[in-house]
Amino acid sequence: MADRVLFIGWSNAARGRQAASMTVFQETVDYLGRLQAAGDIESFDVVLLDAHGGDLGGFFLLKGEGEHLMRVRASDEMERHMIRADLVVEGLGAVGGALGDGVTRQMAKWLEAARELS
């Protein structure tokens, strides 16, 4: 059961790189589908945000077990996709997070640290 997420967000396509950004986007969706089929991630969501005046235009949300997501994030293939994306979009970033039972474990760690520092 998924207990971690990998959030990969971006702002907008870089000026003059819109066509290339569509190519990289589709390659990445295909790659994520292969990861899911292989069981390396549990699932993923693709979110394109409505225009809102902010910096975040869309994101991929990969869901899985912590160790699996760490391996995916550190893989040469993911690095290749991130490099290609960085060349065609603005504001690319990736960050991990807790989900499901991972939230409970994260909150327990936070509570323990807070008690130690009280």
Foldseek 3Di string as FASTA:
>chain_A
DWWKKKKKWFFFWDVPQVVLLVVLVVVVVVVQVVCCVVVLFVDKDWFADDDDPDRTGIIIITTHYPVSVVCVCPDPVVVVSQVSNPVTTHPIDMDMDTDDVNVVVVVVVVVVVVVVVD
